[in-house]
Amino acid sequence: MRSRESSMTLMGLIVSALALVLVLPAIGKVKADAEPSAENAMAAEEALARAFRNNDADAISNLLDKSWAVITANGDVAEGPGIFPKGIKSGYRTLKTFDMSEPRVRLYGNVALITFKLDLAGVFGGKPFDVLERETDTWVWKDGSWKCVLTHESFIKPPAPAA
């Protein structure tokens, strides 16, 4: 009996060791991917765009840092991550279009600057709007994920009519 128990114990140790050999490299890969990168910064930006597109106030709140501020295309400054979510929840601001193009990602350690062209349309204060902007979001890597700390918007003027 002891021989059988010893064999079973030895087999259990071998299986456990084999499992560790197979699992540890995968764990190391997860840790390596858990560092700030241009790819995961852009994934965070795309998640924020999706949240805006879907008027998902909670998802927006989760991606904005508590210190977040926006410099609007009109030059105004608004602070606090609740600005857009409150507007969405109250119905004051509803987006119909939030289409990004021409993304440019620059990584500086744990800071990412992401600039893109934005086709934006919806209703603001009961009035429809449809604008084209160039927007830059500043992201900071905190506790293993990206948080947006600043948004800067600029209107793109329509081309002048041909003479």
C-alpha atoms as a PDB file:
ATOM      1  CA  MET A   1       0.000   0.000   0.000  1.00  0.00           C
ATOM      2  CA  ARG A   2       2.766   2.414   0.931  1.00  0.00           C
ATOM      3  CA  SER A   3       4.375   1.907  -2.421  1.00  0.00           C
ATOM      4  CA  ARG A   4       1.108   2.802  -4.163  1.00  0.00           C
ATOM      5  CA  GLU A   5       0.653   5.898  -1.941  1.00  0.00           C
ATOM      6  CA  SER A   6       4.245   6.958  -2.617  1.00  0.00           C
ATOM      7  CA  SER A   7       3.700   6.522  -6.352  1.00  0.00           C
ATOM      8  CA  MET A   8       0.524   8.603  -6.211  1.00  0.00           C
ATOM      9  CA  THR A   9       2.300  11.321  -4.207  1.00  0.00           C
ATOM     10  CA  LEU A  10       5.212  11.323  -6.637  1.00  0.00           C
ATOM     11  CA  MET A  11       2.798  11.464  -9.582  1.00  0.00           C
ATOM     12  CA  GLY A  12       0.993  14.429  -7.937  1.00  0.00           C
ATOM     13  CA  LEU A  13       4.296  16.266  -7.493  1.00  0.00           C
ATOM     14  CA  ILE A  14       5.283  15.635 -11.104  1.00  0.00           C
ATOM     15  CA  VAL A  15       1.928  16.860 -12.398  1.00  0.00           C
ATOM     16  CA  SER A  16       2.144  19.974 -10.169  1.00  0.00           C
ATOM     17  CA  ALA A  17       5.698  20.696 -11.334  1.00  0.00           C
ATOM     18  CA  LEU A  18       4.692  20.244 -14.964  1.00  0.00           C
ATOM     19  CA  ALA A  19       1.746  22.580 -14.479  1.00  0.00           C
ATOM     20  CA  LEU A  20       4.049  25.231 -13.005  1.00  0.00           C
ATOM     21  CA  VAL A  21       6.495  24.873 -15.887  1.00  0.00           C
ATOM     22  CA  LEU A  22       3.655  25.409 -18.348  1.00  0.00           C
ATOM     23  CA  VAL A  23       1.855  28.187 -16.430  1.00  0.00           C
ATOM     24  CA  LEU A  24       4.755  30.376 -15.239  1.00  0.00           C
ATOM     25  CA  PRO A  25       5.778  31.569 -18.717  1.00  0.00           C
ATOM     26  CA  ALA A  26       2.167  32.591 -19.366  1.00  0.00           C
ATOM     27  CA  ILE A  27       2.092  34.533 -16.083  1.00  0.00           C
ATOM     28  CA  GLY A  28       5.315  36.288 -17.056  1.00  0.00           C
ATOM     29  CA  LYS A  29       3.773  37.269 -20.400  1.00  0.00           C
ATOM     30  CA  VAL A  30       0.743  38.780 -18.652  1.00  0.00           C
ATOM     31  CA  LYS A  31       3.049  40.849 -16.469  1.00  0.00           C
ATOM     32  CA  ALA A  32       5.064  41.973 -19.501  1.00  0.00           C
ATOM     33  CA  ASP A  33       1.864  43.070 -21.255  1.00  0.00           C
ATOM     34  CA  ALA A  34       0.722  44.853 -18.092  1.00  0.00           C
ATOM     35  CA  GLU A  35       3.204  47.668 -18.723  1.00  0.00           C
ATOM     36  CA  PRO A  36       2.191  50.888 -20.464  1.00  0.00           C
ATOM     37  CA  SER A  37       2.377  50.612 -24.244  1.00  0.00           C
ATOM     38  CA  ALA A  38       1.109  52.504 -27.251  1.00  0.00           C
ATOM     39  CA  GLU A  39      -1.168  49.544 -28.008  1.00  0.00           C
ATOM     40  CA  ASN A  40      -2.885  49.396 -24.631  1.00  0.00           C
ATOM     41  CA  ALA A  41      -3.098  53.201 -24.512  1.00  0.00           C
ATOM     42  CA  MET A  42      -4.930  53.157 -27.858  1.00  0.00           C
ATOM     43  CA  ALA A  43      -7.165  50.360 -26.531  1.00  0.00           C
ATOM     44  CA  ALA A  44      -8.094  52.628 -23.603  1.00  0.00           C
ATOM     45  CA  GLU A  45      -8.835  55.475 -26.043  1.00  0.00           C
ATOM     46  CA  GLU A  46     -11.024  53.166 -28.118  1.00  0.00           C
ATOM     47  CA  ALA A  47     -12.858  52.046 -24.964  1.00  0.00           C
ATOM     48  CA  LEU A  48     -13.515  55.701 -24.089  1.00  0.00           C
ATOM     49  CA  ALA A  49     -14.747  56.394 -27.638  1.00  0.00           C
ATOM     50  CA  ARG A  50     -17.058  53.377 -27.436  1.00  0.00           C
ATOM     51  CA  ALA A  51     -18.403  54.617 -24.082  1.00  0.00           C
ATOM     52  CA  PHE A  52     -19.092  58.062 -25.552  1.00  0.00           C
ATOM     53  CA  ARG A  53     -20.641  56.553 -28.703  1.00  0.00           C
ATOM     54  CA  ASN A  54     -22.949  54.406 -26.539  1.00  0.00           C
ATOM     55  CA  ASN A  55     -23.721  57.243 -24.111  1.00  0.00           C
ATOM     56  CA  ASP A  56     -22.432  54.936 -21.347  1.00  0.00           C
ATOM     57  CA  ALA A  57     -21.963  57.332 -18.429  1.00  0.00           C
ATOM     58  CA  ASP A  58     -20.569  54.686 -16.063  1.00  0.00           C
ATOM     59  CA  ALA A  59     -17.924  53.478 -18.526  1.00  0.00           C
ATOM     60  CA  ILE A  60     -16.868  57.082 -19.180  1.00  0.00           C
ATOM     61  CA  SER A  61     -16.534  57.703 -15.427  1.00  0.00           C
ATOM     62  CA  ASN A  62     -14.357  54.600 -15.045  1.00  0.00           C
ATOM     63  CA  LEU A  63     -11.894  55.765 -17.713  1.00  0.00           C
ATOM     64  CA  LEU A  64     -11.523  59.370 -16.537  1.00  0.00           C
ATOM     65  CA  ASP A  65      -9.211  60.228 -13.654  1.00  0.00           C
ATOM     66  CA  LYS A  66     -10.626  62.103 -10.668  1.00  0.00           C
ATOM     67  CA  SER A  67      -8.454  65.081 -11.719  1.00  0.00           C
ATOM     68  CA  TRP A  68      -9.725  65.033 -15.338  1.00  0.00           C
ATOM     69  CA  ALA A  69     -10.344  68.333 -17.116  1.00  0.00           C
ATOM     70  CA  VAL A  70     -11.409  69.347 -20.602  1.00  0.00           C
ATOM     71  CA  ILE A  71     -10.356  72.369 -22.639  1.00  0.00           C
ATOM     72  CA  THR A  72     -13.292  72.765 -24.987  1.00  0.00           C
ATOM     73  CA  ALA A  73     -13.064  73.781 -28.625  1.00  0.00           C
ATOM     74  CA  ASN A  74     -14.516  77.140 -27.522  1.00  0.00           C
ATOM     75  CA  GLY A  75     -11.634  77.653 -25.066  1.00  0.00           C
ATOM     76  CA  ASP A  76     -13.603  76.974 -21.892  1.00  0.00           C
ATOM     77  CA  VAL A  77     -12.176  74.839 -19.087  1.00  0.00           C
ATOM     78  CA  ALA A  78     -14.324  72.332 -17.232  1.00  0.00           C
ATOM     79  CA  GLU A  79     -13.052  70.058 -14.477  1.00  0.00           C
ATOM     80  CA  GLY A  80     -14.215  66.822 -12.933  1.00  0.00           C
ATOM     81  CA  PRO A  81     -14.879  63.382 -14.350  1.00  0.00           C
ATOM     82  CA  GLY A  82     -18.621  63.720 -13.732  1.00  0.00           C
ATOM     83  CA  ILE A  83     -19.211  66.481 -16.305  1.00  0.00           C
ATOM     84  CA  PHE A  84     -20.029  64.308 -19.321  1.00  0.00           C
ATOM     85  CA  PRO A  85     -21.657  61.447 -17.366  1.00  0.00           C
ATOM     86  CA  LYS A  86     -24.006  63.884 -15.581  1.00  0.00           C
ATOM     87  CA  GLY A  87     -24.952  65.470 -18.909  1.00  0.00           C
ATOM     88  CA  ILE A  88     -25.672  62.059 -20.409  1.00  0.00           C
ATOM     89  CA  LYS A  89     -27.701  60.823 -17.425  1.00  0.00           C
ATOM     90  CA  SER A  90     -29.777  64.019 -17.378  1.00  0.00           C
ATOM     91  CA  GLY A  91     -30.360  63.941 -21.150  1.00  0.00           C
ATOM     92  CA  TYR A  92     -28.661  67.329 -21.553  1.00  0.00           C
ATOM     93  CA  ARG A  93     -25.984  65.790 -23.783  1.00  0.00           C
ATOM     94  CA  THR A  94     -26.604  62.819 -26.052  1.00  0.00           C
ATOM     95  CA  LEU A  95     -24.233  61.700 -28.751  1.00  0.00           C
ATOM     96  CA  LYS A  96     -25.338  60.192 -32.023  1.00  0.00           C
ATOM     97  CA  THR A  97     -21.907  60.123 -33.694  1.00  0.00           C
ATOM     98  CA  PHE A  98     -18.436  59.729 -32.187  1.00  0.00           C
ATOM     99  CA  ASP A  99     -16.167  58.574 -35.001  1.00  0.00           C
ATOM    100  CA  MET A 100     -12.401  58.758 -34.577  1.00  0.00           C
ATOM    101  CA  SER A 101      -9.876  58.691 -37.396  1.00  0.00           C
ATOM    102  CA  GLU A 102      -6.208  59.512 -37.974  1.00  0.00           C
ATOM    103  CA  PRO A 103      -5.026  58.437 -34.504  1.00  0.00           C
ATOM    104  CA  ARG A 104      -1.532  59.441 -33.411  1.00  0.00           C
ATOM    105  CA  VAL A 105      -0.159  57.842 -30.233  1.00  0.00           C
ATOM    106  CA  ARG A 106       2.987  59.016 -28.449  1.00  0.00           C
ATOM    107  CA  LEU A 107       4.204  57.273 -25.313  1.00  0.00           C
ATOM    108  CA  TYR A 108       6.426  59.035 -22.760  1.00  0.00           C
ATOM    109  CA  GLY A 109       7.006  56.508 -19.980  1.00  0.00           C
ATOM    110  CA  ASN A 110       3.732  56.266 -18.096  1.00  0.00           C
ATOM    111  CA  VAL A 111       2.099  59.113 -20.066  1.00  0.00           C
ATOM    112  CA  ALA A 112       0.405  58.711 -23.448  1.00  0.00           C
ATOM    113  CA  LEU A 113      -0.708  61.526 -25.730  1.00  0.00           C
ATOM    114  CA  ILE A 114      -3.326  60.454 -28.232  1.00  0.00           C
ATOM    115  CA  THR A 115      -4.471  62.846 -30.939  1.00  0.00           C
ATOM    116  CA  PHE A 116      -7.183  62.051 -33.449  1.00  0.00           C
ATOM    117  CA  LYS A 117      -9.724  63.575 -35.795  1.00  0.00           C
ATOM    118  CA  LEU A 118     -13.264  63.366 -34.412  1.00  0.00           C
ATOM    119  CA  ASP A 119     -16.574  63.514 -36.234  1.00  0.00           C
ATOM    120  CA  LEU A 120     -18.980  64.395 -33.428  1.00  0.00           C
ATOM    121  CA  ALA A 121     -22.749  64.862 -33.580  1.00  0.00           C
ATOM    122  CA  GLY A 122     -25.624  64.780 -31.142  1.00  0.00           C
ATOM    123  CA  VAL A 123     -27.813  66.986 -28.988  1.00  0.00           C
ATOM    124  CA  PHE A 124     -26.495  69.467 -26.427  1.00  0.00           C
ATOM    125  CA  GLY A 125     -28.927  71.451 -24.317  1.00  0.00           C
ATOM    126  CA  GLY A 126     -31.781  70.515 -26.626  1.00  0.00           C
ATOM    127  CA  LYS A 127     -29.956  71.756 -29.730  1.00  0.00           C
ATOM    128  CA  PRO A 128     -28.473  69.469 -32.383  1.00  0.00           C
ATOM    129  CA  PHE A 129     -24.800  69.830 -33.238  1.00  0.00           C
ATOM    130  CA  ASP A 130     -22.473  68.293 -35.823  1.00  0.00           C
ATOM    131  CA  VAL A 131     -18.792  69.251 -35.677  1.00  0.00           C
ATOM    132  CA  LEU A 132     -15.402  68.085 -36.808  1.00  0.00           C
ATOM    133  CA  GLU A 133     -12.643  68.347 -34.211  1.00  0.00           C
ATOM    134  CA  ARG A 134      -9.026  67.487 -33.598  1.00  0.00           C
ATOM    135  CA  GLU A 135      -8.787  66.153 -30.069  1.00  0.00           C
ATOM    136  CA  THR A 136      -5.869  65.242 -27.817  1.00  0.00           C
ATOM    137  CA  ASP A 137      -6.311  63.092 -24.742  1.00  0.00           C
ATOM    138  CA  THR A 138      -3.587  62.815 -22.129  1.00  0.00           C
ATOM    139  CA  TRP A 139      -3.513  59.437 -20.389  1.00  0.00           C
ATOM    140  CA  VAL A 140      -1.549  58.416 -17.281  1.00  0.00           C
ATOM    141  CA  TRP A 141      -0.738  54.803 -16.384  1.00  0.00           C
ATOM    142  CA  LYS A 142      -1.944  54.307 -12.780  1.00  0.00           C
ATOM    143  CA  ASP A 143      -2.178  51.057 -10.856  1.00  0.00           C
ATOM    144  CA  GLY A 144      -1.940  48.915 -13.970  1.00  0.00           C
ATOM    145  CA  SER A 145      -4.391  50.778 -16.219  1.00  0.00           C
ATOM    146  CA  TRP A 146      -4.771  53.995 -18.196  1.00  0.00           C
ATOM    147  CA  LYS A 147      -6.746  56.979 -16.863  1.00  0.00           C
ATOM    148  CA  CYS A 148      -7.512  60.019 -18.983  1.00  0.00           C
ATOM    149  CA  VAL A 149      -6.428  63.184 -17.139  1.00  0.00           C
ATOM    150  CA  LEU A 150      -6.950  65.861 -19.798  1.00  0.00           C
ATOM    151  CA  THR A 151      -8.888  66.332 -23.022  1.00  0.00           C
ATOM    152  CA  HIS A 152      -8.168  69.230 -25.391  1.00  0.00           C
ATOM    153  CA  GLU A 153     -10.574  69.904 -28.259  1.00  0.00           C
ATOM    154  CA  SER A 154     -10.049  72.118 -31.323  1.00  0.00           C
ATOM    155  CA  PHE A 155     -12.550  72.763 -34.088  1.00  0.00           C
ATOM    156  CA  ILE A 156     -11.469  71.908 -37.618  1.00  0.00           C
ATOM    157  CA  LYS A 157     -12.637  74.660 -39.908  1.00  0.00           C
ATOM    158  CA  PRO A 158     -14.423  73.520 -43.032  1.00  0.00           C
ATOM    159  CA  PRO A 159     -12.441  74.161 -46.206  1.00  0.00           C
ATOM    160  CA  ALA A 160     -13.021  77.525 -47.812  1.00  0.00           C
ATOM    161  CA  PRO A 161     -15.255  77.407 -50.875  1.00  0.00           C
ATOM    162  CA  ALA A 162     -13.399  77.260 -54.159  1.00  0.00           C
ATOM    163  CA  ALA A 163     -13.120  80.626 -55.827  1.00  0.00           C
END
